[in-house]
Every structure is written in structure tokens, then in C-alpha cells.
Full PDB file with SEQRES, HELIX, SHEET, SSBOND, CRYST1, ORIGX, SCALE, CONECT and MASTER records, all heavy atoms in Angstrom:
SEQRES   1 A   41  ARG GLU ILE ASP SER THR PRO LEU GLY SER ALA SER ILE          
SEQRES   2 A   41  ALA GLN ALA HIS ARG ALA VAL LEU THR THR GLY GLU GLU          
SEQRES   3 A   41  VAL VAL ILE LYS VAL GLN ARG PRO GLY ILE HIS GLU ILE          
SEQRES   4 A   41  MET ARG                                                      
HELIX    1 AA1 ILE A   36  MET A   40  1                                   5    
SHEET    1 AA1 3 GLU A   2  SER A  10  0                                        
SHEET    2 AA1 3 ALA A  14  VAL A  20 -1                                        
SHEET    3 AA1 3 GLU A  26  GLN A  32 -1                                        
CRYST1    1.000    1.000    1.000  90.00  90.00  90.00 P 1           1          
ORIGX1      1.000000  0.000000  0.000000        0.00000                         
ORIGX2      0.000000  1.000000  0.000000        0.00000                         
ORIGX3      0.000000  0.000000  1.000000        0.00000                         
SCALE1      1.000000  0.000000  0.000000        0.00000                         
SCALE2      0.000000  1.000000  0.000000        0.00000                         
SCALE3      0.000000  0.000000  1.000000        0.00000                         
ATOM      1  N   ARG A   1      -2.437 -13.275   3.418  1.00  0.00           N  
ATOM      2  CA  ARG A   1      -1.521 -14.389   3.662  1.00  0.00           C  
ATOM      3  C   ARG A   1      -0.096 -13.875   3.561  1.00  0.00           C  
ATOM      4  O   ARG A   1       0.786 -14.355   4.333  1.00  0.00           O  
ATOM      5  CB  ARG A   1      -1.706 -15.407   2.508  1.00  0.00           C  
ATOM      6  CG  ARG A   1      -0.859 -16.577   2.653  1.00  0.00           C  
ATOM      7  CD  ARG A   1      -1.019 -17.620   1.484  1.00  0.00           C  
ATOM      8  NE  ARG A   1      -2.391 -18.065   1.433  1.00  0.00           N  
ATOM      9  CZ  ARG A   1      -2.897 -18.792   0.484  1.00  0.00           C  
ATOM     10  NH1 ARG A   1      -2.207 -19.149  -0.611  1.00  0.00           N  
ATOM     11  NH2 ARG A   1      -4.156 -19.225   0.499  1.00  0.00           N  
ATOM     12  N   GLU A   2       0.194 -12.899   2.736  1.00  0.00           N  
ATOM     13  CA  GLU A   2       1.478 -12.244   2.612  1.00  0.00           C  
ATOM     14  C   GLU A   2       1.372 -10.887   2.012  1.00  0.00           C  
ATOM     15  O   GLU A   2       0.441 -10.705   1.234  1.00  0.00           O  
ATOM     16  CB  GLU A   2       2.441 -13.107   1.856  1.00  0.00           C  
ATOM     17  CG  GLU A   2       2.067 -13.345   0.370  1.00  0.00           C  
ATOM     18  CD  GLU A   2       3.112 -14.161  -0.351  1.00  0.00           C  
ATOM     19  OE1 GLU A   2       4.166 -13.553  -0.723  1.00  0.00           O  
ATOM     20  OE2 GLU A   2       2.889 -15.362  -0.511  1.00  0.00           O  
ATOM     21  N   ILE A   3       2.274 -10.015   2.302  1.00  0.00           N  
ATOM     22  CA  ILE A   3       2.392  -8.682   1.689  1.00  0.00           C  
ATOM     23  C   ILE A   3       3.867  -8.513   1.278  1.00  0.00           C  
ATOM     24  O   ILE A   3       4.769  -8.663   2.046  1.00  0.00           O  
ATOM     25  CB  ILE A   3       2.004  -7.582   2.669  1.00  0.00           C  
ATOM     26  CG1 ILE A   3       0.571  -7.755   3.139  1.00  0.00           C  
ATOM     27  CG2 ILE A   3       2.195  -6.173   1.953  1.00  0.00           C  
ATOM     28  CD1 ILE A   3       0.163  -6.682   4.149  1.00  0.00           C  
ATOM     29  N   ASP A   4       4.076  -8.223   0.009  1.00  0.00           N  
ATOM     30  CA  ASP A   4       5.415  -8.002  -0.479  1.00  0.00           C  
ATOM     31  C   ASP A   4       6.076  -6.803   0.134  1.00  0.00           C  
ATOM     32  O   ASP A   4       5.432  -5.682   0.068  1.00  0.00           O  
ATOM     33  CB  ASP A   4       5.420  -7.881  -2.036  1.00  0.00           C  
ATOM     34  CG  ASP A   4       6.788  -8.026  -2.654  1.00  0.00           C  
ATOM     35  OD1 ASP A   4       7.775  -7.859  -1.923  1.00  0.00           O  
ATOM     36  OD2 ASP A   4       6.857  -8.159  -3.869  1.00  0.00           O  
ATOM     37  N   SER A   5       7.228  -6.963   0.646  1.00  0.00           N  
ATOM     38  CA  SER A   5       7.915  -5.851   1.366  1.00  0.00           C  
ATOM     39  C   SER A   5       8.394  -4.792   0.409  1.00  0.00           C  
ATOM     40  O   SER A   5       8.612  -3.638   0.766  1.00  0.00           O  
ATOM     41  CB  SER A   5       9.040  -6.367   2.243  1.00  0.00           C  
ATOM     42  OG  SER A   5      10.001  -7.010   1.444  1.00  0.00           O  
ATOM     43  N   THR A   6       8.602  -5.146  -0.785  1.00  0.00           N  
ATOM     44  CA  THR A   6       9.041  -4.220  -1.847  1.00  0.00           C  
ATOM     45  C   THR A   6       7.852  -3.504  -2.499  1.00  0.00           C  
ATOM     46  O   THR A   6       7.000  -4.194  -3.069  1.00  0.00           O  
ATOM     47  CB  THR A   6       9.869  -4.918  -2.913  1.00  0.00           C  
ATOM     48  OG1 THR A   6      10.999  -5.548  -2.310  1.00  0.00           O  
ATOM     49  CG2 THR A   6      10.415  -3.894  -3.937  1.00  0.00           C  
ATOM     50  N   PRO A   7       7.810  -2.208  -2.370  1.00  0.00           N  
ATOM     51  CA  PRO A   7       6.549  -1.457  -2.881  1.00  0.00           C  
ATOM     52  C   PRO A   7       6.567  -1.506  -4.426  1.00  0.00           C  
ATOM     53  O   PRO A   7       7.628  -1.476  -5.098  1.00  0.00           O  
ATOM     54  CB  PRO A   7       6.749  -0.118  -2.368  1.00  0.00           C  
ATOM     55  CG  PRO A   7       8.182   0.048  -2.072  1.00  0.00           C  
ATOM     56  CD  PRO A   7       8.711  -1.278  -1.697  1.00  0.00           C  
ATOM     57  N   LEU A   8       5.382  -1.627  -5.003  1.00  0.00           N  
ATOM     58  CA  LEU A   8       5.148  -1.498  -6.427  1.00  0.00           C  
ATOM     59  C   LEU A   8       5.422  -0.047  -6.862  1.00  0.00           C  
ATOM     60  O   LEU A   8       5.830   0.239  -8.028  1.00  0.00           O  
ATOM     61  CB  LEU A   8       3.729  -1.940  -6.804  1.00  0.00           C  
ATOM     62  CG  LEU A   8       3.450  -3.367  -6.663  1.00  0.00           C  
ATOM     63  CD1 LEU A   8       1.882  -3.603  -6.948  1.00  0.00           C  
ATOM     64  CD2 LEU A   8       4.281  -4.198  -7.662  1.00  0.00           C  
ATOM     65  N   GLY A   9       5.113   0.903  -6.009  1.00  0.00           N  
ATOM     66  CA  GLY A   9       5.325   2.318  -6.225  1.00  0.00           C  
ATOM     67  C   GLY A   9       5.050   3.143  -4.961  1.00  0.00           C  
ATOM     68  O   GLY A   9       4.351   2.687  -4.064  1.00  0.00           O  
ATOM     69  N   SER A  10       5.814   4.192  -4.923  1.00  0.00           N  
ATOM     70  CA  SER A  10       5.674   5.074  -3.746  1.00  0.00           C  
ATOM     71  C   SER A  10       5.471   6.531  -4.265  1.00  0.00           C  
ATOM     72  O   SER A  10       6.376   7.113  -4.876  1.00  0.00           O  
ATOM     73  CB  SER A  10       6.914   5.007  -2.850  1.00  0.00           C  
ATOM     74  OG  SER A  10       6.817   5.768  -1.713  1.00  0.00           O  
ATOM     75  N   ALA A  11       4.261   7.105  -3.983  1.00  0.00           N  
ATOM     76  CA  ALA A  11       3.938   8.443  -4.389  1.00  0.00           C  
ATOM     77  C   ALA A  11       3.763   9.368  -3.229  1.00  0.00           C  
ATOM     78  O   ALA A  11       3.968   8.973  -2.030  1.00  0.00           O  
ATOM     79  CB  ALA A  11       2.744   8.406  -5.253  1.00  0.00           C  
ATOM     80  N   SER A  12       3.379  10.586  -3.483  1.00  0.00           N  
ATOM     81  CA  SER A  12       3.329  11.544  -2.474  1.00  0.00           C  
ATOM     82  C   SER A  12       2.244  11.296  -1.469  1.00  0.00           C  
ATOM     83  O   SER A  12       2.275  11.711  -0.290  1.00  0.00           O  
ATOM     84  CB  SER A  12       3.104  12.953  -3.050  1.00  0.00           C  
ATOM     85  OG  SER A  12       2.027  12.980  -3.885  1.00  0.00           O  
ATOM     86  N   ILE A  13       1.087  10.633  -1.916  1.00  0.00           N  
ATOM     87  CA  ILE A  13      -0.014  10.382  -1.025  1.00  0.00           C  
ATOM     88  C   ILE A  13      -0.089   9.001  -0.531  1.00  0.00           C  
ATOM     89  O   ILE A  13      -0.449   8.731   0.592  1.00  0.00           O  
ATOM     90  CB  ILE A  13      -1.351  10.785  -1.816  1.00  0.00           C  
ATOM     91  CG1 ILE A  13      -1.446  12.246  -2.005  1.00  0.00           C  
ATOM     92  CG2 ILE A  13      -2.563  10.230  -1.083  1.00  0.00           C  
ATOM     93  CD1 ILE A  13      -2.663  12.690  -2.795  1.00  0.00           C  
ATOM     94  N   ALA A  14       0.341   8.008  -1.364  1.00  0.00           N  
ATOM     95  CA  ALA A  14       0.173   6.602  -0.962  1.00  0.00           C  
ATOM     96  C   ALA A  14       1.310   5.799  -1.467  1.00  0.00           C  
ATOM     97  O   ALA A  14       2.118   6.227  -2.308  1.00  0.00           O  
ATOM     98  CB  ALA A  14      -1.205   6.060  -1.465  1.00  0.00           C  
ATOM     99  N   GLN A  15       1.340   4.548  -0.967  1.00  0.00           N  
ATOM    100  CA  GLN A  15       2.343   3.521  -1.393  1.00  0.00           C  
ATOM    101  C   GLN A  15       1.604   2.268  -1.680  1.00  0.00           C  
ATOM    102  O   GLN A  15       0.678   1.887  -0.977  1.00  0.00           O  
ATOM    103  CB  GLN A  15       3.366   3.383  -0.256  1.00  0.00           C  
ATOM    104  CG  GLN A  15       4.487   2.484  -0.631  1.00  0.00           C  
ATOM    105  CD  GLN A  15       5.649   2.675   0.424  1.00  0.00           C  
ATOM    106  OE1 GLN A  15       6.148   3.769   0.588  1.00  0.00           O  
ATOM    107  NE2 GLN A  15       6.069   1.618   1.013  1.00  0.00           N  
ATOM    108  N   ALA A  16       1.980   1.557  -2.732  1.00  0.00           N  
ATOM    109  CA  ALA A  16       1.303   0.344  -3.141  1.00  0.00           C  
ATOM    110  C   ALA A  16       2.185  -0.860  -2.994  1.00  0.00           C  
ATOM    111  O   ALA A  16       3.384  -0.833  -3.311  1.00  0.00           O  
ATOM    112  CB  ALA A  16       0.834   0.489  -4.648  1.00  0.00           C  
ATOM    113  N   HIS A  17       1.557  -1.937  -2.553  1.00  0.00           N  
ATOM    114  CA  HIS A  17       2.250  -3.163  -2.346  1.00  0.00           C  
ATOM    115  C   HIS A  17       1.491  -4.316  -2.952  1.00  0.00           C  
ATOM    116  O   HIS A  17       0.215  -4.333  -2.889  1.00  0.00           O  
ATOM    117  CB  HIS A  17       2.484  -3.537  -0.883  1.00  0.00           C  
ATOM    118  CG  HIS A  17       3.586  -2.630  -0.235  1.00  0.00           C  
ATOM    119  ND1 HIS A  17       4.871  -3.063   0.033  1.00  0.00           N  
ATOM    120  CD2 HIS A  17       3.477  -1.316   0.226  1.00  0.00           C  
ATOM    121  CE1 HIS A  17       5.536  -2.060   0.533  1.00  0.00           C  
ATOM    122  NE2 HIS A  17       4.716  -0.991   0.689  1.00  0.00           N  
ATOM    123  N   ARG A  18       2.180  -5.288  -3.505  1.00  0.00           N  
ATOM    124  CA  ARG A  18       1.476  -6.561  -3.920  1.00  0.00           C  
ATOM    125  C   ARG A  18       1.227  -7.422  -2.723  1.00  0.00           C  
ATOM    126  O   ARG A  18       2.140  -7.554  -1.791  1.00  0.00           O  
ATOM    127  CB  ARG A  18       2.371  -7.252  -4.988  1.00  0.00           C  
ATOM    128  CG  ARG A  18       1.710  -8.403  -5.688  1.00  0.00           C  
ATOM    129  CD  ARG A  18       2.614  -8.846  -6.805  1.00  0.00           C  
ATOM    130  NE  ARG A  18       2.059 -10.045  -7.459  1.00  0.00           N  
ATOM    131  CZ  ARG A  18       2.589 -10.579  -8.569  1.00  0.00           C  
ATOM    132  NH1 ARG A  18       3.780 -10.133  -9.055  1.00  0.00           N  
ATOM    133  NH2 ARG A  18       2.016 -11.654  -9.115  1.00  0.00           N  
ATOM    134  N   ALA A  19       0.105  -8.050  -2.701  1.00  0.00           N  
ATOM    135  CA  ALA A  19      -0.255  -8.895  -1.534  1.00  0.00           C  
ATOM    136  C   ALA A  19      -1.062 -10.088  -2.005  1.00  0.00           C  
ATOM    137  O   ALA A  19      -1.600 -10.160  -3.146  1.00  0.00           O  
ATOM    138  CB  ALA A  19      -0.966  -8.071  -0.459  1.00  0.00           C  
ATOM    139  N   VAL A  20      -1.280 -11.002  -1.098  1.00  0.00           N  
ATOM    140  CA  VAL A  20      -2.131 -12.184  -1.292  1.00  0.00           C  
ATOM    141  C   VAL A  20      -3.125 -12.309  -0.203  1.00  0.00           C  
ATOM    142  O   VAL A  20      -2.722 -12.329   1.015  1.00  0.00           O  
ATOM    143  CB  VAL A  20      -1.275 -13.485  -1.427  1.00  0.00           C  
ATOM    144  CG1 VAL A  20      -2.201 -14.681  -1.659  1.00  0.00           C  
ATOM    145  CG2 VAL A  20      -0.204 -13.393  -2.588  1.00  0.00           C  
ATOM    146  N   LEU A  21      -4.400 -12.424  -0.461  1.00  0.00           N  
ATOM    147  CA  LEU A  21      -5.425 -12.566   0.576  1.00  0.00           C  
ATOM    148  C   LEU A  21      -5.376 -13.944   1.167  1.00  0.00           C  
ATOM    149  O   LEU A  21      -4.769 -14.894   0.624  1.00  0.00           O  
ATOM    150  CB  LEU A  21      -6.842 -12.328  -0.006  1.00  0.00           C  
ATOM    151  CG  LEU A  21      -7.062 -10.894  -0.591  1.00  0.00           C  
ATOM    152  CD1 LEU A  21      -8.465 -10.856  -1.248  1.00  0.00           C  
ATOM    153  CD2 LEU A  21      -6.947  -9.859   0.529  1.00  0.00           C  
ATOM    154  N   THR A  22      -5.945 -14.127   2.322  1.00  0.00           N  
ATOM    155  CA  THR A  22      -6.031 -15.442   2.937  1.00  0.00           C  
ATOM    156  C   THR A  22      -6.799 -16.479   2.065  1.00  0.00           C  
ATOM    157  O   THR A  22      -6.610 -17.716   2.239  1.00  0.00           O  
ATOM    158  CB  THR A  22      -6.740 -15.389   4.308  1.00  0.00           C  
ATOM    159  OG1 THR A  22      -8.062 -14.746   4.108  1.00  0.00           O  
ATOM    160  CG2 THR A  22      -5.925 -14.552   5.309  1.00  0.00           C  
ATOM    161  N   THR A  23      -7.590 -15.962   1.099  1.00  0.00           N  
ATOM    162  CA  THR A  23      -8.273 -16.821   0.141  1.00  0.00           C  
ATOM    163  C   THR A  23      -7.389 -17.218  -1.009  1.00  0.00           C  
ATOM    164  O   THR A  23      -7.787 -18.045  -1.789  1.00  0.00           O  
ATOM    165  CB  THR A  23      -9.502 -16.148  -0.425  1.00  0.00           C  
ATOM    166  OG1 THR A  23      -9.084 -14.883  -1.100  1.00  0.00           O  
ATOM    167  CG2 THR A  23     -10.495 -15.721   0.660  1.00  0.00           C  
ATOM    168  N   GLY A  24      -6.173 -16.669  -1.097  1.00  0.00           N  
ATOM    169  CA  GLY A  24      -5.249 -16.990  -2.191  1.00  0.00           C  
ATOM    170  C   GLY A  24      -5.252 -16.041  -3.399  1.00  0.00           C  
ATOM    171  O   GLY A  24      -4.477 -16.208  -4.294  1.00  0.00           O  
ATOM    172  N   GLU A  25      -6.205 -15.078  -3.320  1.00  0.00           N  
ATOM    173  CA  GLU A  25      -6.353 -14.186  -4.478  1.00  0.00           C  
ATOM    174  C   GLU A  25      -5.254 -13.109  -4.402  1.00  0.00           C  
ATOM    175  O   GLU A  25      -4.983 -12.494  -3.302  1.00  0.00           O  
ATOM    176  CB  GLU A  25      -7.710 -13.439  -4.426  1.00  0.00           C  
ATOM    177  CG  GLU A  25      -7.950 -12.584  -5.695  1.00  0.00           C  
ATOM    178  CD  GLU A  25      -9.341 -12.033  -5.630  1.00  0.00           C  
ATOM    179  OE1 GLU A  25     -10.149 -12.349  -4.759  1.00  0.00           O  
ATOM    180  OE2 GLU A  25      -9.653 -11.190  -6.570  1.00  0.00           O  
ATOM    181  N   GLU A  26      -4.565 -12.808  -5.534  1.00  0.00           N  
ATOM    182  CA  GLU A  26      -3.576 -11.779  -5.621  1.00  0.00           C  
ATOM    183  C   GLU A  26      -4.156 -10.323  -5.739  1.00  0.00           C  
ATOM    184  O   GLU A  26      -5.095 -10.190  -6.565  1.00  0.00           O  
ATOM    185  CB  GLU A  26      -2.646 -11.992  -6.810  1.00  0.00           C  
ATOM    186  CG  GLU A  26      -1.685 -13.145  -6.628  1.00  0.00           C  
ATOM    187  CD  GLU A  26      -0.668 -13.215  -7.779  1.00  0.00           C  
ATOM    188  OE1 GLU A  26      -1.000 -13.672  -8.877  1.00  0.00           O  
ATOM    189  OE2 GLU A  26       0.559 -12.737  -7.509  1.00  0.00           O  
ATOM    190  N   VAL A  27      -3.712  -9.479  -4.915  1.00  0.00           N  
ATOM    191  CA  VAL A  27      -4.278  -8.104  -4.905  1.00  0.00           C  
ATOM    192  C   VAL A  27      -3.193  -7.102  -4.833  1.00  0.00           C  
ATOM    193  O   VAL A  27      -1.990  -7.450  -4.658  1.00  0.00           O  
ATOM    194  CB  VAL A  27      -5.282  -7.984  -3.733  1.00  0.00           C  
ATOM    195  CG1 VAL A  27      -6.441  -8.845  -3.815  1.00  0.00           C  
ATOM    196  CG2 VAL A  27      -4.492  -8.174  -2.392  1.00  0.00           C  
ATOM    197  N   VAL A  28      -3.553  -5.800  -4.929  1.00  0.00           N  
ATOM    198  CA  VAL A  28      -2.673  -4.716  -4.670  1.00  0.00           C  
ATOM    199  C   VAL A  28      -3.312  -3.926  -3.557  1.00  0.00           C  
ATOM    200  O   VAL A  28      -4.509  -3.664  -3.553  1.00  0.00           O  
ATOM    201  CB  VAL A  28      -2.556  -3.804  -5.922  1.00  0.00           C  
ATOM    202  CG1 VAL A  28      -1.834  -2.529  -5.579  1.00  0.00           C  
ATOM    203  CG2 VAL A  28      -1.842  -4.512  -7.076  1.00  0.00           C  
ATOM    204  N   ILE A  29      -2.481  -3.578  -2.550  1.00  0.00           N  
ATOM    205  CA  ILE A  29      -2.999  -2.838  -1.375  1.00  0.00           C  
ATOM    206  C   ILE A  29      -2.323  -1.454  -1.442  1.00  0.00           C  
ATOM    207  O   ILE A  29      -1.134  -1.324  -1.517  1.00  0.00           O  
ATOM    208  CB  ILE A  29      -2.696  -3.543  -0.046  1.00  0.00           C  
ATOM    209  CG1 ILE A  29      -3.135  -2.709   1.091  1.00  0.00           C  
ATOM    210  CG2 ILE A  29      -1.219  -3.990   0.056  1.00  0.00           C  
ATOM    211  CD1 ILE A  29      -3.011  -3.376   2.471  1.00  0.00           C  
ATOM    212  N   LYS A  30      -3.171  -0.415  -1.506  1.00  0.00           N  
ATOM    213  CA  LYS A  30      -2.714   0.937  -1.570  1.00  0.00           C  
ATOM    214  C   LYS A  30      -2.892   1.614  -0.218  1.00  0.00           C  
ATOM    215  O   LYS A  30      -4.028   1.709   0.277  1.00  0.00           O  
ATOM    216  CB  LYS A  30      -3.578   1.635  -2.624  1.00  0.00           C  
ATOM    217  CG  LYS A  30      -3.066   3.100  -2.987  1.00  0.00           C  
ATOM    218  CD  LYS A  30      -3.898   3.626  -4.122  1.00  0.00           C  
ATOM    219  CE  LYS A  30      -3.572   5.070  -4.475  1.00  0.00           C  
ATOM    220  NZ  LYS A  30      -4.373   5.582  -5.582  1.00  0.00           N  
ATOM    221  N   VAL A  31      -1.780   1.973   0.426  1.00  0.00           N  
ATOM    222  CA  VAL A  31      -1.746   2.458   1.747  1.00  0.00           C  
ATOM    223  C   VAL A  31      -1.443   3.920   1.809  1.00  0.00           C  
ATOM    224  O   VAL A  31      -0.412   4.349   1.227  1.00  0.00           O  
ATOM    225  CB  VAL A  31      -0.823   1.640   2.671  1.00  0.00           C  
ATOM    226  CG1 VAL A  31      -0.869   2.164   4.095  1.00  0.00           C  
ATOM    227  CG2 VAL A  31      -1.066   0.246   2.585  1.00  0.00           C  
ATOM    228  N   GLN A  32      -2.272   4.706   2.470  1.00  0.00           N  
ATOM    229  CA  GLN A  32      -2.014   6.138   2.524  1.00  0.00           C  
ATOM    230  C   GLN A  32      -0.962   6.507   3.510  1.00  0.00           C  
ATOM    231  O   GLN A  32      -0.861   5.888   4.606  1.00  0.00           O  
ATOM    232  CB  GLN A  32      -3.319   6.854   2.931  1.00  0.00           C  
ATOM    233  CG  GLN A  32      -3.237   8.379   2.803  1.00  0.00           C  
ATOM    234  CD  GLN A  32      -4.680   9.012   2.995  1.00  0.00           C  
ATOM    235  OE1 GLN A  32      -4.807   9.974   3.772  1.00  0.00           O  
ATOM    236  NE2 GLN A  32      -5.620   8.514   2.280  1.00  0.00           N  
ATOM    237  N   ARG A  33      -0.099   7.481   3.201  1.00  0.00           N  
ATOM    238  CA  ARG A  33       0.982   7.904   4.126  1.00  0.00           C  
ATOM    239  C   ARG A  33       0.340   8.478   5.406  1.00  0.00           C  
ATOM    240  O   ARG A  33      -0.580   9.285   5.322  1.00  0.00           O  
ATOM    241  CB  ARG A  33       1.829   8.930   3.414  1.00  0.00           C  
ATOM    242  CG  ARG A  33       2.736   8.409   2.279  1.00  0.00           C  
ATOM    243  CD  ARG A  33       3.536   9.488   1.645  1.00  0.00           C  
ATOM    244  NE  ARG A  33       4.451   8.891   0.709  1.00  0.00           N  
ATOM    245  CZ  ARG A  33       5.704   8.547   0.918  1.00  0.00           C  
ATOM    246  NH1 ARG A  33       6.183   8.679   2.167  1.00  0.00           N  
ATOM    247  NH2 ARG A  33       6.443   8.020   0.008  1.00  0.00           N  
ATOM    248  N   PRO A  34       0.896   8.145   6.539  1.00  0.00           N  
ATOM    249  CA  PRO A  34       0.309   8.698   7.799  1.00  0.00           C  
ATOM    250  C   PRO A  34       0.432  10.181   7.923  1.00  0.00           C  
ATOM    251  O   PRO A  34       1.591  10.721   7.633  1.00  0.00           O  
ATOM    252  CB  PRO A  34       1.127   8.011   8.887  1.00  0.00           C  
ATOM    253  CG  PRO A  34       2.397   7.502   8.170  1.00  0.00           C  
ATOM    254  CD  PRO A  34       2.045   7.278   6.751  1.00  0.00           C  
ATOM    255  N   GLY A  35      -0.625  10.869   8.273  1.00  0.00           N  
ATOM    256  CA  GLY A  35      -0.519  12.343   8.500  1.00  0.00           C  
ATOM    257  C   GLY A  35      -0.467  13.144   7.217  1.00  0.00           C  
ATOM    258  O   GLY A  35      -0.228  14.341   7.330  1.00  0.00           O  
ATOM    259  N   ILE A  36      -0.655  12.482   6.059  1.00  0.00           N  
ATOM    260  CA  ILE A  36      -0.425  13.267   4.829  1.00  0.00           C  
ATOM    261  C   ILE A  36      -1.521  14.402   4.671  1.00  0.00           C  
ATOM    262  O   ILE A  36      -1.203  15.425   4.099  1.00  0.00           O  
ATOM    263  CB  ILE A  36      -0.458  12.336   3.593  1.00  0.00           C  
ATOM    264  CG1 ILE A  36      -0.122  13.074   2.289  1.00  0.00           C  
ATOM    265  CG2 ILE A  36      -1.875  11.648   3.425  1.00  0.00           C  
ATOM    266  CD1 ILE A  36       1.296  13.594   2.306  1.00  0.00           C  
ATOM    267  N   HIS A  37      -2.732  14.168   5.170  1.00  0.00           N  
ATOM    268  CA  HIS A  37      -3.793  15.157   5.071  1.00  0.00           C  
ATOM    269  C   HIS A  37      -3.274  16.425   5.834  1.00  0.00           C  
ATOM    270  O   HIS A  37      -3.444  17.563   5.271  1.00  0.00           O  
ATOM    271  CB  HIS A  37      -5.055  14.683   5.682  1.00  0.00           C  
ATOM    272  CG  HIS A  37      -6.237  15.532   5.472  1.00  0.00           C  
ATOM    273  ND1 HIS A  37      -6.451  16.669   6.242  1.00  0.00           N  
ATOM    274  CD2 HIS A  37      -7.251  15.477   4.554  1.00  0.00           C  
ATOM    275  CE1 HIS A  37      -7.533  17.263   5.824  1.00  0.00           C  
ATOM    276  NE2 HIS A  37      -8.081  16.596   4.793  1.00  0.00           N  
ATOM    277  N   GLU A  38      -2.862  16.279   7.004  1.00  0.00           N  
ATOM    278  CA  GLU A  38      -2.410  17.497   7.847  1.00  0.00           C  
ATOM    279  C   GLU A  38      -1.180  18.090   7.166  1.00  0.00           C  
ATOM    280  O   GLU A  38      -1.099  19.362   7.189  1.00  0.00           O  
ATOM    281  CB  GLU A  38      -2.193  16.997   9.246  1.00  0.00           C  
ATOM    282  CG  GLU A  38      -1.709  18.221  10.157  1.00  0.00           C  
ATOM    283  CD  GLU A  38      -2.801  19.234  10.263  1.00  0.00           C  
ATOM    284  OE1 GLU A  38      -3.975  18.990  10.011  1.00  0.00           O  
ATOM    285  OE2 GLU A  38      -2.429  20.432  10.528  1.00  0.00           O  
ATOM    286  N   ILE A  39      -0.266  17.296   6.664  1.00  0.00           N  
ATOM    287  CA  ILE A  39       0.965  17.855   6.119  1.00  0.00           C  
ATOM    288  C   ILE A  39       0.629  18.728   4.855  1.00  0.00           C  
ATOM    289  O   ILE A  39       1.137  19.799   4.692  1.00  0.00           O  
ATOM    290  CB  ILE A  39       1.922  16.704   5.708  1.00  0.00           C  
ATOM    291  CG1 ILE A  39       2.432  15.995   6.956  1.00  0.00           C  
ATOM    292  CG2 ILE A  39       3.084  17.225   4.853  1.00  0.00           C  
ATOM    293  CD1 ILE A  39       3.231  14.732   6.675  1.00  0.00           C  
ATOM    294  N   MET A  40      -0.254  18.189   3.977  1.00  0.00           N  
ATOM    295  CA  MET A  40      -0.586  18.913   2.792  1.00  0.00           C  
ATOM    296  C   MET A  40      -1.443  20.165   3.125  1.00  0.00           C  
ATOM    297  O   MET A  40      -1.303  21.176   2.508  1.00  0.00           O  
ATOM    298  CB  MET A  40      -1.410  18.015   1.843  1.00  0.00           C  
ATOM    299  CG  MET A  40      -0.583  16.823   1.314  1.00  0.00           C  
ATOM    300  SD  MET A  40      -1.480  15.829   0.035  1.00  0.00           S  
ATOM    301  CE  MET A  40      -1.321  16.997  -1.408  1.00  0.00           C  
ATOM    302  N   ARG A  41      -2.264  20.034   4.144  1.00  0.00           N  
ATOM    303  CA  ARG A  41      -3.022  21.197   4.551  1.00  0.00           C  
ATOM    304  C   ARG A  41      -2.165  22.328   5.072  1.00  0.00           C  
ATOM    305  O   ARG A  41      -2.296  23.492   4.760  1.00  0.00           O  
ATOM    306  CB  ARG A  41      -4.064  20.836   5.620  1.00  0.00           C  
ATOM    307  CG  ARG A  41      -5.061  21.954   5.969  1.00  0.00           C  
ATOM    308  CD  ARG A  41      -5.776  21.666   7.292  1.00  0.00           C  
ATOM    309  NE  ARG A  41      -4.769  21.613   8.406  1.00  0.00           N  
ATOM    310  CZ  ARG A  41      -4.289  22.662   8.980  1.00  0.00           C  
ATOM    311  NH1 ARG A  41      -4.570  23.873   8.526  1.00  0.00           N  
ATOM    312  NH2 ARG A  41      -3.400  22.537  10.019  1.00  0.00           N  
TER     313      ARG A  41                                                      
MASTER        0    0    0    1    3    0    0    6  312    1    0    4          
END                                                                             
């Protein structure tokens, strides 16, 4: 339903955002940085 644009935290591998599902449940979505696997390798 919505994703908070301000991240809860931003680390080297992923970034976390507070969000709300279409069902109304509050969740945290952890999104991996694009290309991080190849960069670290």
C-alpha cells in the first residue's frame, strides 16, 4: 500500500524500509543493493 521513502537503515549489502502491505499489515522490506554480488567478488 505504501513504502516509506526514508530508509530504516542502509548497510553495505542491503537497505531496509518500513512498508505497509495491501492487507494493511506493517512490515519491513529489506532490499539488496544492485550488483553487490559482482562488486564484492
